[in-house]
Amino acid sequence: MTVPKVGDTIYVGSRRYLGHGRDDFAGSKATVTQVEEMMSLGRTVPFVSIRELPTRRFNWEVLEQEQENLKQEFGDQRAHPDPDMRPEFNEDWP
């Protein structure tokens, strides 16, 4: 496994939320801002943070396997927040 370094460009997928559309995110190329070891399923694995979505960490073991497919899907686009502010998609879940 080749772990990215701070400043590297990687691909991340999109995120869409029914109850909090304000947090929707359009995936694609993103810039790594942090790499840290964290626990996942009882093992220590690398997690990466990106400039375009600083509140989320991505398990690199999982994301690395998706890189080629994400590259095919998104090409040269850049990842960015893509909020859906319609009230019906921003109701709090019970």
PDB file of N, CA and C in Angstrom:
ATOM      1  N   MET A   1       0.838  -1.176   0.000  1.00  0.00           N
ATOM      2  CA  MET A   1       0.000   0.000   0.000  1.00  0.00           C
ATOM      3  C   MET A   1       0.886   1.243   0.000  1.00  0.00           C
ATOM      4  N   THR A   2       0.595   2.149  -0.923  1.00  0.00           N
ATOM      5  CA  THR A   2       1.303   3.414  -0.983  1.00  0.00           C
ATOM      6  C   THR A   2       0.448   4.478  -0.304  1.00  0.00           C
ATOM      7  N   VAL A   3       0.885   4.958   0.836  1.00  0.00           N
ATOM      8  CA  VAL A   3       0.131   5.954   1.587  1.00  0.00           C
ATOM      9  C   VAL A   3       0.477   7.338   1.043  1.00  0.00           C
ATOM     10  N   PRO A   4      -0.551   8.164   0.748  1.00  0.00           N
ATOM     11  CA  PRO A   4      -0.264   9.507   0.232  1.00  0.00           C
ATOM     12  C   PRO A   4       0.380  10.381   1.296  1.00  0.00           C
ATOM     13  N   LYS A   5       1.008  11.436   0.835  1.00  0.00           N
ATOM     14  CA  LYS A   5       1.640  12.408   1.720  1.00  0.00           C
ATOM     15  C   LYS A   5       0.856  13.712   1.656  1.00  0.00           C
ATOM     16  N   VAL A   6       1.044  14.556   2.649  1.00  0.00           N
ATOM     17  CA  VAL A   6       0.416  15.878   2.654  1.00  0.00           C
ATOM     18  C   VAL A   6       0.798  16.590   1.358  1.00  0.00           C
ATOM     19  N   GLY A   7      -0.210  17.156   0.687  1.00  0.00           N
ATOM     20  CA  GLY A   7       0.004  17.843  -0.580  1.00  0.00           C
ATOM     21  C   GLY A   7      -0.306  16.989  -1.793  1.00  0.00           C
ATOM     22  N   ASP A   8      -0.361  15.651  -1.626  1.00  0.00           N
ATOM     23  CA  ASP A   8      -0.699  14.765  -2.737  1.00  0.00           C
ATOM     24  C   ASP A   8      -2.153  14.948  -3.150  1.00  0.00           C
ATOM     25  N   THR A   9      -2.442  14.615  -4.396  1.00  0.00           N
ATOM     26  CA  THR A   9      -3.809  14.629  -4.913  1.00  0.00           C
ATOM     27  C   THR A   9      -4.327  13.200  -4.964  1.00  0.00           C
ATOM     28  N   ILE A  10      -5.510  13.001  -4.401  1.00  0.00           N
ATOM     29  CA  ILE A  10      -6.179  11.704  -4.419  1.00  0.00           C
ATOM     30  C   ILE A  10      -7.611  11.920  -4.909  1.00  0.00           C
ATOM     31  N   TYR A  11      -8.336  10.831  -5.122  1.00  0.00           N
ATOM     32  CA  TYR A  11      -9.751  10.917  -5.476  1.00  0.00           C
ATOM     33  C   TYR A  11     -10.603  10.477  -4.299  1.00  0.00           C
ATOM     34  N   VAL A  12     -11.726  11.182  -4.088  1.00  0.00           N
ATOM     35  CA  VAL A  12     -12.710  10.807  -3.076  1.00  0.00           C
ATOM     36  C   VAL A  12     -14.085  10.777  -3.738  1.00  0.00           C
ATOM     37  N   GLY A  13     -14.978   9.975  -3.189  1.00  0.00           N
ATOM     38  CA  GLY A  13     -16.323   9.864  -3.727  1.00  0.00           C
ATOM     39  C   GLY A  13     -17.249  10.956  -3.217  1.00  0.00           C
ATOM     40  N   SER A  14     -18.402  11.048  -3.842  1.00  0.00           N
ATOM     41  CA  SER A  14     -19.421  12.021  -3.446  1.00  0.00           C
ATOM     42  C   SER A  14     -20.166  11.532  -2.206  1.00  0.00           C
ATOM     43  N   ARG A  15     -20.768  12.469  -1.495  1.00  0.00           N
ATOM     44  CA  ARG A  15     -21.586  12.166  -0.326  1.00  0.00           C
ATOM     45  C   ARG A  15     -22.896  12.928  -0.474  1.00  0.00           C
ATOM     46  N   ARG A  16     -24.027  12.235  -0.352  1.00  0.00           N
ATOM     47  CA  ARG A  16     -25.356  12.843  -0.418  1.00  0.00           C
ATOM     48  C   ARG A  16     -26.136  12.413   0.819  1.00  0.00           C
ATOM     49  N   TYR A  17     -26.816  13.360   1.449  1.00  0.00           N
ATOM     50  CA  TYR A  17     -27.537  13.091   2.682  1.00  0.00           C
ATOM     51  C   TYR A  17     -28.994  13.521   2.562  1.00  0.00           C
ATOM     52  N   LEU A  18     -29.913  12.647   2.933  1.00  0.00           N
ATOM     53  CA  LEU A  18     -31.333  12.963   2.869  1.00  0.00           C
ATOM     54  C   LEU A  18     -31.762  13.943   3.948  1.00  0.00           C
ATOM     55  N   GLY A  19     -31.245  13.806   5.142  1.00  0.00           N
ATOM     56  CA  GLY A  19     -31.686  14.631   6.258  1.00  0.00           C
ATOM     57  C   GLY A  19     -30.831  15.853   6.527  1.00  0.00           C
ATOM     58  N   HIS A  20     -29.679  15.951   5.883  1.00  0.00           N
ATOM     59  CA  HIS A  20     -28.821  17.131   6.075  1.00  0.00           C
ATOM     60  C   HIS A  20     -28.082  17.424   4.771  1.00  0.00           C
ATOM     61  N   GLY A  21     -28.864  17.810   3.770  1.00  0.00           N
ATOM     62  CA  GLY A  21     -28.336  18.108   2.439  1.00  0.00           C
ATOM     63  C   GLY A  21     -27.311  19.225   2.427  1.00  0.00           C
ATOM     64  N   ARG A  22     -27.316  20.049   3.459  1.00  0.00           N
ATOM     65  CA  ARG A  22     -26.315  21.127   3.543  1.00  0.00           C
ATOM     66  C   ARG A  22     -24.897  20.562   3.595  1.00  0.00           C
ATOM     67  N   ASP A  23     -24.773  19.261   3.925  1.00  0.00           N
ATOM     68  CA  ASP A  23     -23.464  18.608   4.008  1.00  0.00           C
ATOM     69  C   ASP A  23     -23.102  17.814   2.752  1.00  0.00           C
ATOM     70  N   ASP A  24     -23.930  17.888   1.700  1.00  0.00           N
ATOM     71  CA  ASP A  24     -23.637  17.165   0.459  1.00  0.00           C
ATOM     72  C   ASP A  24     -22.280  17.600  -0.098  1.00  0.00           C
ATOM     73  N   PHE A  25     -21.621  16.654  -0.757  1.00  0.00           N
ATOM     74  CA  PHE A  25     -20.260  16.872  -1.231  1.00  0.00           C
ATOM     75  C   PHE A  25     -20.077  16.199  -2.580  1.00  0.00           C
ATOM     76  N   ALA A  26     -19.541  16.936  -3.539  1.00  0.00           N
ATOM     77  CA  ALA A  26     -19.246  16.389  -4.868  1.00  0.00           C
ATOM     78  C   ALA A  26     -17.809  15.891  -4.869  1.00  0.00           C
ATOM     79  N   GLY A  27     -17.649  14.607  -5.038  1.00  0.00           N
ATOM     80  CA  GLY A  27     -16.322  14.007  -5.011  1.00  0.00           C
ATOM     81  C   GLY A  27     -15.546  14.234  -6.294  1.00  0.00           C
ATOM     82  N   SER A  28     -14.265  13.982  -6.236  1.00  0.00           N
ATOM     83  CA  SER A  28     -13.330  14.013  -7.353  1.00  0.00           C
ATOM     84  C   SER A  28     -11.925  14.176  -6.786  1.00  0.00           C
ATOM     85  N   LYS A  29     -11.072  14.926  -7.487  1.00  0.00           N
ATOM     86  CA  LYS A  29      -9.706  15.149  -7.006  1.00  0.00           C
ATOM     87  C   LYS A  29      -9.724  16.021  -5.756  1.00  0.00           C
ATOM     88  N   ALA A  30      -8.878  15.656  -4.803  1.00  0.00           N
ATOM     89  CA  ALA A  30      -8.787  16.401  -3.551  1.00  0.00           C
ATOM     90  C   ALA A  30      -7.336  16.410  -3.079  1.00  0.00           C
ATOM     91  N   THR A  31      -6.994  17.397  -2.278  1.00  0.00           N
ATOM     92  CA  THR A  31      -5.635  17.565  -1.777  1.00  0.00           C
ATOM     93  C   THR A  31      -5.526  17.065  -0.344  1.00  0.00           C
ATOM     94  N   VAL A  32      -4.581  16.182  -0.093  1.00  0.00           N
ATOM     95  CA  VAL A  32      -4.359  15.616   1.241  1.00  0.00           C
ATOM     96  C   VAL A  32      -3.754  16.688   2.154  1.00  0.00           C
ATOM     97  N   THR A  33      -4.374  16.861   3.340  1.00  0.00           N
ATOM     98  CA  THR A  33      -3.870  17.836   4.315  1.00  0.00           C
ATOM     99  C   THR A  33      -3.298  17.170   5.557  1.00  0.00           C
ATOM    100  N   GLN A  34      -3.657  15.902   5.776  1.00  0.00           N
ATOM    101  CA  GLN A  34      -3.166  15.213   6.972  1.00  0.00           C
ATOM    102  C   GLN A  34      -3.236  13.712   6.738  1.00  0.00           C
ATOM    103  N   VAL A  35      -2.262  13.004   7.268  1.00  0.00           N
ATOM    104  CA  VAL A  35      -2.253  11.543   7.261  1.00  0.00           C
ATOM    105  C   VAL A  35      -1.971  11.122   8.693  1.00  0.00           C
ATOM    106  N   GLU A  36      -2.847  10.277   9.241  1.00  0.00           N
ATOM    107  CA  GLU A  36      -2.646   9.831  10.617  1.00  0.00           C
ATOM    108  C   GLU A  36      -3.074   8.383  10.765  1.00  0.00           C
ATOM    109  N   GLU A  37      -2.451   7.701  11.703  1.00  0.00           N
ATOM    110  CA  GLU A  37      -2.782   6.315  11.999  1.00  0.00           C
ATOM    111  C   GLU A  37      -3.944   6.298  12.987  1.00  0.00           C
ATOM    112  N   MET A  38      -4.978   5.499  12.656  1.00  0.00           N
ATOM    113  CA  MET A  38      -6.138   5.373  13.525  1.00  0.00           C
ATOM    114  C   MET A  38      -6.569   3.907  13.547  1.00  0.00           C
ATOM    115  N   MET A  39      -7.395   3.570  14.520  1.00  0.00           N
ATOM    116  CA  MET A  39      -7.894   2.208  14.637  1.00  0.00           C
ATOM    117  C   MET A  39      -9.084   1.997  13.715  1.00  0.00           C
ATOM    118  N   SER A  40      -9.096   0.844  13.048  1.00  0.00           N
ATOM    119  CA  SER A  40     -10.225   0.420  12.226  1.00  0.00           C
ATOM    120  C   SER A  40     -10.307  -1.098  12.308  1.00  0.00           C
ATOM    121  N   LEU A  41     -11.421  -1.582  12.807  1.00  0.00           N
ATOM    122  CA  LEU A  41     -11.623  -3.024  12.958  1.00  0.00           C
ATOM    123  C   LEU A  41     -10.486  -3.679  13.742  1.00  0.00           C
ATOM    124  N   GLY A  42     -10.043  -2.999  14.793  1.00  0.00           N
ATOM    125  CA  GLY A  42      -9.021  -3.557  15.670  1.00  0.00           C
ATOM    126  C   GLY A  42      -7.595  -3.457  15.164  1.00  0.00           C
ATOM    127  N   ARG A  43      -7.394  -2.770  14.027  1.00  0.00           N
ATOM    128  CA  ARG A  43      -6.046  -2.609  13.475  1.00  0.00           C
ATOM    129  C   ARG A  43      -5.747  -1.134  13.292  1.00  0.00           C
ATOM    130  N   THR A  44      -4.488  -0.785  13.315  1.00  0.00           N
ATOM    131  CA  THR A  44      -4.064   0.579  13.041  1.00  0.00           C
ATOM    132  C   THR A  44      -3.847   0.724  11.541  1.00  0.00           C
ATOM    133  N   VAL A  45      -4.548   1.679  10.936  1.00  0.00           N
ATOM    134  CA  VAL A  45      -4.461   1.904   9.491  1.00  0.00           C
ATOM    135  C   VAL A  45      -4.354   3.400   9.221  1.00  0.00           C
ATOM    136  N   PRO A  46      -3.835   3.787   8.047  1.00  0.00           N
ATOM    137  CA  PRO A  46      -3.734   5.207   7.735  1.00  0.00           C
ATOM    138  C   PRO A  46      -5.089   5.801   7.345  1.00  0.00           C
ATOM    139  N   PHE A  47      -5.367   6.963   7.873  1.00  0.00           N
ATOM    140  CA  PHE A  47      -6.524   7.760   7.493  1.00  0.00           C
ATOM    141  C   PHE A  47      -6.013   9.076   6.926  1.00  0.00           C
ATOM    142  N   VAL A  48      -6.708   9.593   5.909  1.00  0.00           N
ATOM    143  CA  VAL A  48      -6.311  10.859   5.305  1.00  0.00           C
ATOM    144  C   VAL A  48      -7.420  11.881   5.472  1.00  0.00           C
ATOM    145  N   SER A  49      -7.029  13.128   5.626  1.00  0.00           N
ATOM    146  CA  SER A  49      -7.947  14.272   5.609  1.00  0.00           C
ATOM    147  C   SER A  49      -7.650  15.059   4.345  1.00  0.00           C
ATOM    148  N   ILE A  50      -8.686  15.749   3.831  1.00  0.00           N
ATOM    149  CA  ILE A  50      -8.514  16.521   2.599  1.00  0.00           C
ATOM    150  C   ILE A  50      -8.948  17.964   2.806  1.00  0.00           C
ATOM    151  N   ARG A  51      -8.365  18.847   2.036  1.00  0.00           N
ATOM    152  CA  ARG A  51      -8.667  20.280   2.115  1.00  0.00           C
ATOM    153  C   ARG A  51     -10.143  20.551   1.814  1.00  0.00           C
ATOM    154  N   GLU A  52     -10.697  19.837   0.857  1.00  0.00           N
ATOM    155  CA  GLU A  52     -12.032  20.117   0.372  1.00  0.00           C
ATOM    156  C   GLU A  52     -13.151  19.663   1.313  1.00  0.00           C
ATOM    157  N   LEU A  53     -12.849  18.785   2.240  1.00  0.00           N
ATOM    158  CA  LEU A  53     -13.827  18.298   3.221  1.00  0.00           C
ATOM    159  C   LEU A  53     -13.097  18.035   4.539  1.00  0.00           C
ATOM    160  N   PRO A  54     -12.687  19.115   5.221  1.00  0.00           N
ATOM    161  CA  PRO A  54     -11.806  18.973   6.383  1.00  0.00           C
ATOM    162  C   PRO A  54     -12.432  18.293   7.595  1.00  0.00           C
ATOM    163  N   THR A  55     -13.749  18.150   7.623  1.00  0.00           N
ATOM    164  CA  THR A  55     -14.402  17.544   8.781  1.00  0.00           C
ATOM    165  C   THR A  55     -14.462  16.020   8.698  1.00  0.00           C
ATOM    166  N   ARG A  56     -13.971  15.444   7.625  1.00  0.00           N
ATOM    167  CA  ARG A  56     -14.072  13.989   7.423  1.00  0.00           C
ATOM    168  C   ARG A  56     -12.699  13.373   7.233  1.00  0.00           C
ATOM    169  N   ARG A  57     -12.497  12.191   7.806  1.00  0.00           N
ATOM    170  CA  ARG A  57     -11.276  11.411   7.571  1.00  0.00           C
ATOM    171  C   ARG A  57     -11.655  10.196   6.748  1.00  0.00           C
ATOM    172  N   PHE A  58     -10.763   9.782   5.867  1.00  0.00           N
ATOM    173  CA  PHE A  58     -11.012   8.647   4.989  1.00  0.00           C
ATOM    174  C   PHE A  58     -10.017   7.532   5.295  1.00  0.00           C
ATOM    175  N   ASN A  59     -10.517   6.320   5.450  1.00  0.00           N
ATOM    176  CA  ASN A  59      -9.669   5.162   5.651  1.00  0.00           C
ATOM    177  C   ASN A  59      -8.930   4.912   4.330  1.00  0.00           C
ATOM    178  N   TRP A  60      -7.623   5.101   4.316  1.00  0.00           N
ATOM    179  CA  TRP A  60      -6.865   4.968   3.075  1.00  0.00           C
ATOM    180  C   TRP A  60      -6.861   3.541   2.545  1.00  0.00           C
ATOM    181  N   GLU A  61      -6.904   2.536   3.420  1.00  0.00           N
ATOM    182  CA  GLU A  61      -6.959   1.148   2.962  1.00  0.00           C
ATOM    183  C   GLU A  61      -8.156   0.927   2.042  1.00  0.00           C
ATOM    184  N   VAL A  62      -9.278   1.505   2.389  1.00  0.00           N
ATOM    185  CA  VAL A  62     -10.500   1.369   1.594  1.00  0.00           C
ATOM    186  C   VAL A  62     -10.436   2.279   0.370  1.00  0.00           C
ATOM    187  N   LEU A  63     -10.077   3.540   0.596  1.00  0.00           N
ATOM    188  CA  LEU A  63     -10.081   4.524  -0.483  1.00  0.00           C
ATOM    189  C   LEU A  63      -9.060   4.201  -1.578  1.00  0.00           C
ATOM    190  N   GLU A  64      -7.943   3.631  -1.201  1.00  0.00           N
ATOM    191  CA  GLU A  64      -6.918   3.281  -2.194  1.00  0.00           C
ATOM    192  C   GLU A  64      -7.473   2.313  -3.245  1.00  0.00           C
ATOM    193  N   GLN A  65      -8.295   1.379  -2.818  1.00  0.00           N
ATOM    194  CA  GLN A  65      -8.870   0.397  -3.736  1.00  0.00           C
ATOM    195  C   GLN A  65      -9.843   1.034  -4.734  1.00  0.00           C
ATOM    196  N   GLU A  66     -10.370   2.206  -4.411  1.00  0.00           N
ATOM    197  CA  GLU A  66     -11.352   2.885  -5.256  1.00  0.00           C
ATOM    198  C   GLU A  66     -10.734   3.910  -6.206  1.00  0.00           C
ATOM    199  N   GLN A  67      -9.437   4.164  -6.088  1.00  0.00           N
ATOM    200  CA  GLN A  67      -8.817   5.254  -6.834  1.00  0.00           C
ATOM    201  C   GLN A  67      -9.034   5.166  -8.352  1.00  0.00           C
ATOM    202  N   GLU A  68      -8.817   4.028  -8.954  1.00  0.00           N
ATOM    203  CA  GLU A  68      -8.946   3.917 -10.408  1.00  0.00           C
ATOM    204  C   GLU A  68     -10.389   4.130 -10.857  1.00  0.00           C
ATOM    205  N   ASN A  69     -11.344   3.559 -10.134  1.00  0.00           N
ATOM    206  CA  ASN A  69     -12.751   3.760 -10.483  1.00  0.00           C
ATOM    207  C   ASN A  69     -13.175   5.213 -10.318  1.00  0.00           C
ATOM    208  N   LEU A  70     -12.728   5.849  -9.241  1.00  0.00           N
ATOM    209  CA  LEU A  70     -13.059   7.261  -9.024  1.00  0.00           C
ATOM    210  C   LEU A  70     -12.427   8.144 -10.103  1.00  0.00           C
ATOM    211  N   LYS A  71     -11.212   7.814 -10.502  1.00  0.00           N
ATOM    212  CA  LYS A  71     -10.549   8.563 -11.575  1.00  0.00           C
ATOM    213  C   LYS A  71     -11.352   8.454 -12.867  1.00  0.00           C
ATOM    214  N   GLN A  72     -11.833   7.251 -13.187  1.00  0.00           N
ATOM    215  CA  GLN A  72     -12.642   7.053 -14.389  1.00  0.00           C
ATOM    216  C   GLN A  72     -13.950   7.838 -14.290  1.00  0.00           C
ATOM    217  N   GLU A  73     -14.545   7.856 -13.115  1.00  0.00           N
ATOM    218  CA  GLU A  73     -15.830   8.534 -12.931  1.00  0.00           C
ATOM    219  C   GLU A  73     -15.699  10.056 -13.000  1.00  0.00           C
ATOM    220  N   PHE A  74     -14.660  10.612 -12.372  1.00  0.00           N
ATOM    221  CA  PHE A  74     -14.566  12.057 -12.216  1.00  0.00           C
ATOM    222  C   PHE A  74     -13.559  12.754 -13.126  1.00  0.00           C
ATOM    223  N   GLY A  75     -12.577  12.039 -13.617  1.00  0.00           N
ATOM    224  CA  GLY A  75     -11.583  12.670 -14.485  1.00  0.00           C
ATOM    225  C   GLY A  75     -10.828  13.781 -13.791  1.00  0.00           C
ATOM    226  N   ASP A  76     -10.798  14.957 -14.399  1.00  0.00           N
ATOM    227  CA  ASP A  76     -10.003  16.086 -13.897  1.00  0.00           C
ATOM    228  C   ASP A  76     -10.765  17.053 -13.001  1.00  0.00           C
ATOM    229  N   GLN A  77     -12.021  16.750 -12.675  1.00  0.00           N
ATOM    230  CA  GLN A  77     -12.799  17.648 -11.826  1.00  0.00           C
ATOM    231  C   GLN A  77     -12.150  17.751 -10.445  1.00  0.00           C
ATOM    232  N   ARG A  78     -12.483  18.806  -9.724  1.00  0.00           N
ATOM    233  CA  ARG A  78     -12.023  18.979  -8.349  1.00  0.00           C
ATOM    234  C   ARG A  78     -13.195  18.749  -7.402  1.00  0.00           C
ATOM    235  N   ALA A  79     -12.934  18.108  -6.288  1.00  0.00           N
ATOM    236  CA  ALA A  79     -13.948  17.887  -5.263  1.00  0.00           C
ATOM    237  C   ALA A  79     -14.342  19.227  -4.637  1.00  0.00           C
ATOM    238  N   HIS A  80     -15.603  19.330  -4.199  1.00  0.00           N
ATOM    239  CA  HIS A  80     -16.069  20.568  -3.581  1.00  0.00           C
ATOM    240  C   HIS A  80     -17.379  20.334  -2.826  1.00  0.00           C
ATOM    241  N   PRO A  81     -17.663  21.186  -1.828  1.00  0.00           N
ATOM    242  CA  PRO A  81     -18.964  21.117  -1.170  1.00  0.00           C
ATOM    243  C   PRO A  81     -20.057  21.378  -2.208  1.00  0.00           C
ATOM    244  N   ASP A  82     -21.185  20.691  -2.065  1.00  0.00           N
ATOM    245  CA  ASP A  82     -22.296  20.828  -3.007  1.00  0.00           C
ATOM    246  C   ASP A  82     -23.608  20.816  -2.224  1.00  0.00           C
ATOM    247  N   PRO A  83     -23.803  21.808  -1.349  1.00  0.00           N
ATOM    248  CA  PRO A  83     -24.943  21.772  -0.438  1.00  0.00           C
ATOM    249  C   PRO A  83     -26.291  21.872  -1.154  1.00  0.00           C
ATOM    250  N   ASP A  84     -27.234  21.119  -0.633  1.00  0.00           N
ATOM    251  CA  ASP A  84     -28.627  21.196  -1.069  1.00  0.00           C
ATOM    252  C   ASP A  84     -29.377  21.826   0.096  1.00  0.00           C
ATOM    253  N   MET A  85     -29.763  23.078  -0.050  1.00  0.00           N
ATOM    254  CA  MET A  85     -30.338  23.830   1.059  1.00  0.00           C
ATOM    255  C   MET A  85     -31.869  23.752   1.131  1.00  0.00           C
ATOM    256  N   ARG A  86     -32.487  22.947   0.272  1.00  0.00           N
ATOM    257  CA  ARG A  86     -33.946  22.835   0.330  1.00  0.00           C
ATOM    258  C   ARG A  86     -34.372  22.314   1.702  1.00  0.00           C
ATOM    259  N   PRO A  87     -35.387  22.933   2.291  1.00  0.00           N
ATOM    260  CA  PRO A  87     -35.805  22.552   3.651  1.00  0.00           C
ATOM    261  C   PRO A  87     -36.129  21.078   3.803  1.00  0.00           C
ATOM    262  N   GLU A  88     -36.738  20.458   2.791  1.00  0.00           N
ATOM    263  CA  GLU A  88     -37.120  19.047   2.911  1.00  0.00           C
ATOM    264  C   GLU A  88     -35.923  18.113   3.019  1.00  0.00           C
ATOM    265  N   PHE A  89     -34.726  18.595   2.665  1.00  0.00           N
ATOM    266  CA  PHE A  89     -33.520  17.782   2.768  1.00  0.00           C
ATOM    267  C   PHE A  89     -32.617  18.225   3.918  1.00  0.00           C
ATOM    268  N   ASN A  90     -33.152  19.051   4.783  1.00  0.00           N
ATOM    269  CA  ASN A  90     -32.380  19.531   5.927  1.00  0.00           C
ATOM    270  C   ASN A  90     -33.160  19.452   7.230  1.00  0.00           C
ATOM    271  N   GLU A  91     -34.061  18.496   7.296  1.00  0.00           N
ATOM    272  CA  GLU A  91     -34.796  18.272   8.534  1.00  0.00           C
ATOM    273  C   GLU A  91     -33.974  17.381   9.453  1.00  0.00           C
ATOM    274  N   ASP A  92     -34.075  17.627  10.712  1.00  0.00           N
ATOM    275  CA  ASP A  92     -33.367  16.774  11.667  1.00  0.00           C
ATOM    276  C   ASP A  92     -34.027  15.410  11.732  1.00  0.00           C
ATOM    277  N   TRP A  93     -33.209  14.371  11.789  1.00  0.00           N
ATOM    278  CA  TRP A  93     -33.730  13.013  11.943  1.00  0.00           C
ATOM    279  C   TRP A  93     -34.161  12.846  13.384  1.00  0.00           C
ATOM    280  N   PRO A  94     -35.216  12.057  13.611  1.00  0.00           N
ATOM    281  CA  PRO A  94     -35.675  11.844  15.010  1.00  0.00           C
ATOM    282  C   PRO A  94     -34.639  11.144  15.854  1.00  0.00           C
TER     283      PRO A  94
END
